[in-house]
N, C-alpha and C. Protein backbone atom coordinates (compact mmCIF):
# COMPACT_ATOMS: atom_id res chain seq x y z
N MET A 1 -13.56 8.76 -5.78
CA MET A 1 -14.03 8.99 -7.44
C MET A 1 -14.54 8.42 -8.02
N ASP A 2 -15.41 6.97 -7.59
CA ASP A 2 -16.22 6.37 -8.10
C ASP A 2 -17.68 6.24 -8.29
N ILE A 3 -18.33 6.54 -9.44
CA ILE A 3 -19.55 6.64 -9.28
C ILE A 3 -20.41 5.27 -8.87
N GLY A 4 -21.56 5.08 -8.58
CA GLY A 4 -21.85 3.91 -8.09
C GLY A 4 -21.80 3.65 -6.84
N PRO A 5 -22.64 2.32 -6.09
CA PRO A 5 -22.64 1.99 -4.60
C PRO A 5 -20.94 2.29 -4.33
N ASP A 6 -21.18 2.49 -2.85
CA ASP A 6 -20.13 2.58 -2.18
C ASP A 6 -19.28 1.08 -1.74
N ASP A 7 -18.16 0.35 -1.26
CA ASP A 7 -18.07 -0.64 -0.92
C ASP A 7 -16.89 -0.16 -0.22
N ASN A 8 -17.41 -0.51 1.14
CA ASN A 8 -16.28 -0.40 2.49
C ASN A 8 -16.12 -1.12 2.96
N THR A 9 -15.93 -2.36 2.19
CA THR A 9 -14.99 -4.28 2.35
C THR A 9 -13.62 -4.44 1.78
N VAL A 10 -13.02 -5.53 3.14
CA VAL A 10 -11.77 -5.70 2.06
C VAL A 10 -11.78 -7.04 2.94
N SER A 11 -11.48 -8.04 1.01
CA SER A 11 -11.03 -9.08 1.40
C SER A 11 -10.16 -9.79 1.56
N LEU A 12 -9.91 -10.91 2.40
CA LEU A 12 -8.77 -11.30 3.00
C LEU A 12 -7.91 -12.14 2.22
N ARG A 13 -6.72 -11.70 2.03
CA ARG A 13 -6.25 -13.10 1.01
C ARG A 13 -5.59 -14.03 2.49
N HIS A 14 -5.28 -15.16 1.54
CA HIS A 14 -4.62 -16.10 2.50
C HIS A 14 -3.46 -15.83 3.40
N ASP A 15 -2.80 -14.43 2.60
CA ASP A 15 -1.29 -14.19 3.16
C ASP A 15 -1.26 -13.31 4.20
N MET A 16 -2.55 -12.62 4.61
CA MET A 16 -2.72 -11.41 5.14
C MET A 16 -3.60 -12.05 6.68
N ARG A 17 -2.48 -13.22 6.95
CA ARG A 17 -2.50 -13.66 8.49
C ARG A 17 -1.65 -14.28 8.76
N ASP A 18 -1.60 -15.04 9.76
CA ASP A 18 -0.19 -14.83 10.59
C ASP A 18 -0.16 -17.00 10.67
N ALA A 19 0.45 -17.38 10.89
CA ALA A 19 0.40 -19.16 10.86
C ALA A 19 -0.41 -19.44 11.93
N THR A 20 -0.78 -18.63 13.20
CA THR A 20 -1.89 -18.71 13.88
C THR A 20 -3.81 -18.69 12.75
N GLY A 21 -3.79 -17.70 12.23
CA GLY A 21 -5.22 -17.53 11.84
C GLY A 21 -4.63 -16.21 12.06
N GLY A 22 -4.26 -15.22 12.88
CA GLY A 22 -4.21 -14.04 13.75
C GLY A 22 -3.95 -12.85 12.28
N LEU A 23 -5.22 -11.68 11.98
CA LEU A 23 -4.91 -10.54 11.42
C LEU A 23 -3.49 -10.24 11.43
N LEU A 24 -3.27 -9.82 10.02
CA LEU A 24 -1.64 -8.98 10.21
C LEU A 24 -1.98 -7.05 10.85
N LEU A 25 -0.87 -6.70 10.90
CA LEU A 25 -1.33 -5.47 11.41
C LEU A 25 -1.59 -4.54 9.90
N ALA A 26 -0.50 -4.93 9.53
CA ALA A 26 -0.40 -4.55 7.96
C ALA A 26 -1.89 -4.49 6.46
N VAL A 27 -2.38 -5.47 7.38
CA VAL A 27 -4.09 -5.24 6.60
C VAL A 27 -4.90 -4.27 7.14
N LEU A 28 -4.60 -3.52 8.22
CA LEU A 28 -5.42 -2.80 8.71
C LEU A 28 -4.89 -1.51 8.15
N GLY A 29 -3.40 -1.24 8.37
CA GLY A 29 -3.72 -0.05 6.89
C GLY A 29 -3.47 0.14 6.02
N ILE A 30 -3.68 -1.24 5.15
CA ILE A 30 -4.28 -0.81 3.52
C ILE A 30 -5.60 -0.90 3.76
N SER A 31 -6.17 -1.78 4.41
CA SER A 31 -8.09 -1.13 4.36
C SER A 31 -8.78 0.02 5.28
N SER A 32 -7.29 0.86 5.84
CA SER A 32 -8.37 1.57 6.51
C SER A 32 -8.37 3.15 5.25
N PRO A 33 -9.83 3.67 5.75
CA PRO A 33 -9.79 4.82 5.01
C PRO A 33 -9.19 6.33 4.68
N GLU A 34 -8.98 7.17 3.84
CA GLU A 34 -7.79 7.99 3.73
C GLU A 34 -8.05 8.64 3.44
N GLY A 35 -7.12 9.91 3.46
CA GLY A 35 -8.01 11.21 2.95
C GLY A 35 -8.77 12.02 4.36
N GLY A 36 -8.09 13.50 4.28
CA GLY A 36 -8.49 14.33 5.52
C GLY A 36 -8.42 13.89 6.34
N TYR A 37 -8.94 13.75 7.77
CA TYR A 37 -8.94 13.48 8.79
C TYR A 37 -10.15 12.05 8.88
N SER A 38 -9.42 10.75 9.12
CA SER A 38 -10.62 9.87 9.17
C SER A 38 -10.32 8.75 11.03
N ARG A 39 -11.86 8.17 10.60
CA ARG A 39 -11.72 7.20 11.80
C ARG A 39 -12.60 5.94 11.08
N SER A 40 -12.51 4.75 11.63
CA SER A 40 -13.25 3.61 11.12
C SER A 40 -13.41 2.89 11.92
N ARG A 41 -14.07 1.77 12.05
CA ARG A 41 -14.57 0.78 13.28
C ARG A 41 -14.28 -0.47 12.22
N ILE A 42 -13.62 -1.74 12.12
CA ILE A 42 -13.50 -2.79 11.32
C ILE A 42 -14.05 -3.77 12.12
N THR A 43 -14.79 -4.24 11.32
CA THR A 43 -15.83 -5.28 12.21
C THR A 43 -15.80 -6.81 11.11
N ASP A 44 -15.57 -7.31 11.55
CA ASP A 44 -16.09 -9.35 11.18
C ASP A 44 -17.20 -9.14 10.53
N ALA A 45 -17.48 -8.95 8.75
CA ALA A 45 -18.34 -9.30 8.21
C ALA A 45 -19.54 -10.38 8.86
N ASP A 46 -19.02 -11.39 8.87
CA ASP A 46 -19.90 -12.54 9.50
C ASP A 46 -20.42 -12.62 11.23
N ASN A 47 -19.60 -11.16 11.75
CA ASN A 47 -20.51 -11.27 12.81
C ASN A 47 -19.97 -9.17 13.49
N PRO A 48 -20.99 -8.53 12.77
CA PRO A 48 -20.47 -7.39 12.82
C PRO A 48 -20.65 -6.37 14.37
N SER A 49 -20.78 -7.59 15.24
CA SER A 49 -21.08 -7.31 16.46
C SER A 49 -19.51 -7.24 16.65
N ARG A 50 -18.66 -7.97 16.32
CA ARG A 50 -17.10 -8.21 16.59
C ARG A 50 -16.22 -7.18 16.57
N VAL A 51 -15.77 -6.47 17.17
CA VAL A 51 -14.92 -4.93 16.15
C VAL A 51 -13.45 -5.73 16.46
N LEU A 52 -12.96 -5.57 15.50
CA LEU A 52 -11.92 -6.44 15.11
C LEU A 52 -10.50 -5.17 15.57
N ALA A 53 -10.70 -3.84 15.01
CA ALA A 53 -10.07 -2.60 15.09
C ALA A 53 -10.40 -1.24 14.91
N LEU A 54 -9.70 -0.22 15.99
CA LEU A 54 -10.96 1.06 15.66
C LEU A 54 -9.58 1.86 15.17
N THR A 55 -9.55 3.11 13.55
CA THR A 55 -8.61 3.55 13.34
C THR A 55 -8.43 4.45 13.23
N ALA A 56 -7.32 5.29 12.79
CA ALA A 56 -7.55 7.38 12.59
C ALA A 56 -6.52 7.43 12.32
N GLY A 57 -6.99 8.29 11.16
CA GLY A 57 -5.61 9.06 10.36
C GLY A 57 -5.78 10.37 10.04
N GLN A 58 -4.57 10.41 9.40
CA GLN A 58 -4.76 11.76 8.68
C GLN A 58 -4.13 11.76 7.18
N GLY A 59 -4.69 12.45 6.43
CA GLY A 59 -4.27 12.75 4.92
C GLY A 59 -3.42 13.90 4.47
N VAL A 60 -3.38 14.01 3.38
CA VAL A 60 -2.57 15.23 2.49
C VAL A 60 -3.55 14.92 1.49
N ALA A 61 -3.44 16.49 1.22
CA ALA A 61 -4.02 16.62 -0.35
C ALA A 61 -2.66 16.79 -1.24
N ILE A 62 -2.60 16.33 -2.17
CA ILE A 62 -1.28 16.46 -3.44
C ILE A 62 -1.27 17.20 -4.48
N GLY A 63 -2.32 17.64 -5.11
CA GLY A 63 -2.21 18.38 -5.58
C GLY A 63 -4.31 18.84 -6.10
N THR A 64 -4.32 19.73 -6.83
CA THR A 64 -5.88 19.92 -7.41
C THR A 64 -5.96 19.19 -8.40
N PRO A 65 -7.47 18.14 -8.40
CA PRO A 65 -7.89 17.44 -9.68
C PRO A 65 -8.00 18.51 -11.27
N PRO A 66 -7.39 17.98 -12.11
CA PRO A 66 -8.01 18.82 -13.00
C PRO A 66 -8.75 19.36 -13.57
N GLU A 67 -9.85 20.59 -13.98
CA GLU A 67 -10.55 21.42 -13.69
C GLU A 67 -11.37 20.67 -15.10
N GLY A 68 -12.40 19.59 -14.88
CA GLY A 68 -13.93 18.97 -15.76
C GLY A 68 -13.49 17.98 -15.07
N LEU A 69 -12.64 16.90 -14.15
CA LEU A 69 -12.28 15.56 -14.04
C LEU A 69 -13.16 15.01 -13.72
N GLN A 70 -14.16 14.17 -14.43
CA GLN A 70 -15.86 13.50 -13.53
C GLN A 70 -15.12 12.72 -12.78
N LYS A 71 -16.30 11.79 -12.11
CA LYS A 71 -16.36 11.15 -11.44
C LYS A 71 -15.97 9.75 -12.06
N MET A 72 -15.60 8.52 -11.88
CA MET A 72 -15.51 7.26 -13.45
C MET A 72 -16.14 6.23 -12.69
N PRO A 73 -16.38 5.12 -13.68
CA PRO A 73 -17.23 4.17 -13.46
C PRO A 73 -16.70 3.52 -12.65
N VAL A 74 -17.14 2.46 -12.22
CA VAL A 74 -16.47 1.65 -10.80
C VAL A 74 -15.86 0.70 -11.77
N GLU A 75 -14.68 0.03 -12.23
CA GLU A 75 -14.47 -1.00 -12.91
C GLU A 75 -13.39 -1.87 -12.18
N ARG A 76 -14.80 -2.92 -11.44
CA ARG A 76 -14.19 -3.83 -9.97
C ARG A 76 -13.70 -5.37 -10.51
N VAL A 77 -12.61 -5.41 -10.06
CA VAL A 77 -11.83 -6.65 -10.21
C VAL A 77 -11.63 -7.79 -9.36
N ASP A 78 -13.09 -8.80 -9.69
CA ASP A 78 -12.62 -9.61 -8.84
C ASP A 78 -11.55 -10.75 -8.86
N VAL A 79 -10.87 -10.87 -7.67
CA VAL A 79 -9.56 -11.92 -7.67
C VAL A 79 -10.48 -12.93 -6.74
N VAL A 80 -10.16 -13.93 -7.08
CA VAL A 80 -10.33 -15.42 -6.29
C VAL A 80 -8.81 -15.89 -5.37
N ASP A 81 -8.87 -15.82 -4.40
CA ASP A 81 -7.91 -16.07 -3.42
C ASP A 81 -7.48 -17.28 -3.90
N SER A 82 -5.93 -17.42 -3.74
CA SER A 82 -5.35 -18.85 -4.00
C SER A 82 -4.43 -19.32 -3.61
N PRO A 83 -3.66 -19.86 -2.79
CA PRO A 83 -2.37 -19.77 -2.90
C PRO A 83 -1.33 -20.15 -4.16
N ASP A 84 -1.76 -19.98 -5.37
CA ASP A 84 -0.81 -19.72 -6.34
C ASP A 84 -0.71 -18.43 -6.85
N MET A 85 -1.52 -17.33 -5.57
CA MET A 85 -0.67 -15.88 -5.75
C MET A 85 0.49 -15.88 -5.72
N ALA A 86 0.80 -14.84 -6.12
CA ALA A 86 2.53 -14.14 -4.91
C ALA A 86 1.69 -13.75 -3.70
N PRO A 87 2.71 -14.18 -2.82
CA PRO A 87 2.94 -13.47 -1.10
C PRO A 87 2.97 -11.59 -2.18
N LEU A 88 2.51 -10.87 -0.97
CA LEU A 88 2.15 -9.66 -0.98
C LEU A 88 3.60 -9.53 -1.01
N HIS A 89 4.83 -9.41 -0.30
CA HIS A 89 5.89 -9.06 -0.37
C HIS A 89 6.38 -9.04 -1.21
N GLN A 90 6.08 -10.13 -2.56
CA GLN A 90 6.94 -10.06 -3.82
C GLN A 90 6.20 -9.12 -5.05
N VAL A 91 4.45 -8.77 -4.88
CA VAL A 91 3.73 -7.85 -5.54
C VAL A 91 4.44 -6.60 -5.69
N PHE A 92 4.45 -6.56 -4.21
CA PHE A 92 4.95 -4.50 -3.82
C PHE A 92 6.10 -4.75 -4.02
N GLY A 93 7.46 -5.53 -4.14
CA GLY A 93 8.57 -5.28 -4.48
C GLY A 93 9.95 -4.79 -3.28
N CYS A 94 8.84 -5.36 -1.87
CA CYS A 94 9.59 -5.72 -0.49
C CYS A 94 10.99 -6.62 -0.74
N VAL A 95 12.07 -6.42 0.16
CA VAL A 95 13.04 -6.36 0.64
C VAL A 95 13.57 -6.95 1.77
N ARG A 96 14.02 -8.20 1.99
CA ARG A 96 13.76 -8.90 3.91
C ARG A 96 15.10 -7.76 3.92
N ARG A 97 15.41 -7.72 5.15
CA ARG A 97 16.23 -6.92 5.78
C ARG A 97 16.81 -8.34 6.74
N THR A 98 17.88 -7.25 7.16
CA THR A 98 18.60 -8.73 8.10
C THR A 98 17.79 -9.24 9.56
N ASP A 99 17.01 -8.59 9.88
CA ASP A 99 16.06 -8.45 11.09
C ASP A 99 14.91 -9.54 10.63
N GLY A 100 15.17 -9.66 9.33
CA GLY A 100 13.64 -10.48 9.16
C GLY A 100 12.72 -9.79 8.20
N ASN A 101 12.43 -8.56 8.72
CA ASN A 101 10.98 -7.87 7.93
C ASN A 101 11.49 -7.23 6.97
N TYR A 102 10.65 -6.55 6.10
CA TYR A 102 10.85 -6.31 4.82
C TYR A 102 10.48 -4.43 4.55
N TRP A 103 11.31 -4.61 3.73
CA TRP A 103 11.35 -2.97 3.39
C TRP A 103 10.79 -2.75 2.58
N VAL A 104 9.99 -1.26 1.92
CA VAL A 104 9.79 -1.26 0.64
C VAL A 104 10.93 -0.69 -0.12
N PRO A 105 11.51 -0.17 -1.09
CA PRO A 105 12.97 0.13 -1.73
C PRO A 105 12.11 1.48 -2.19
């Protein structure tokens, strides 16, 4: 829906990695394309030949856009990562289960 150049990159926050520096699986779900049937190859931006993941998924249409709806200008929000940022589980209102995992109510 945006006009302007495509941006197919995702910047990782500090809390998108585990204690050993490994990429958390949820990041791949967040960064995978949506809509229809899609496949993607996620690579290391500093070393594009290093494949991190291959994804595939399906989406559904939940409605028809209103007649006359036009593409919108990109209103990019540049966020500088910082340990002062709220953890993602707090941002999305997740609740910790008794098994130590989170769920979104």
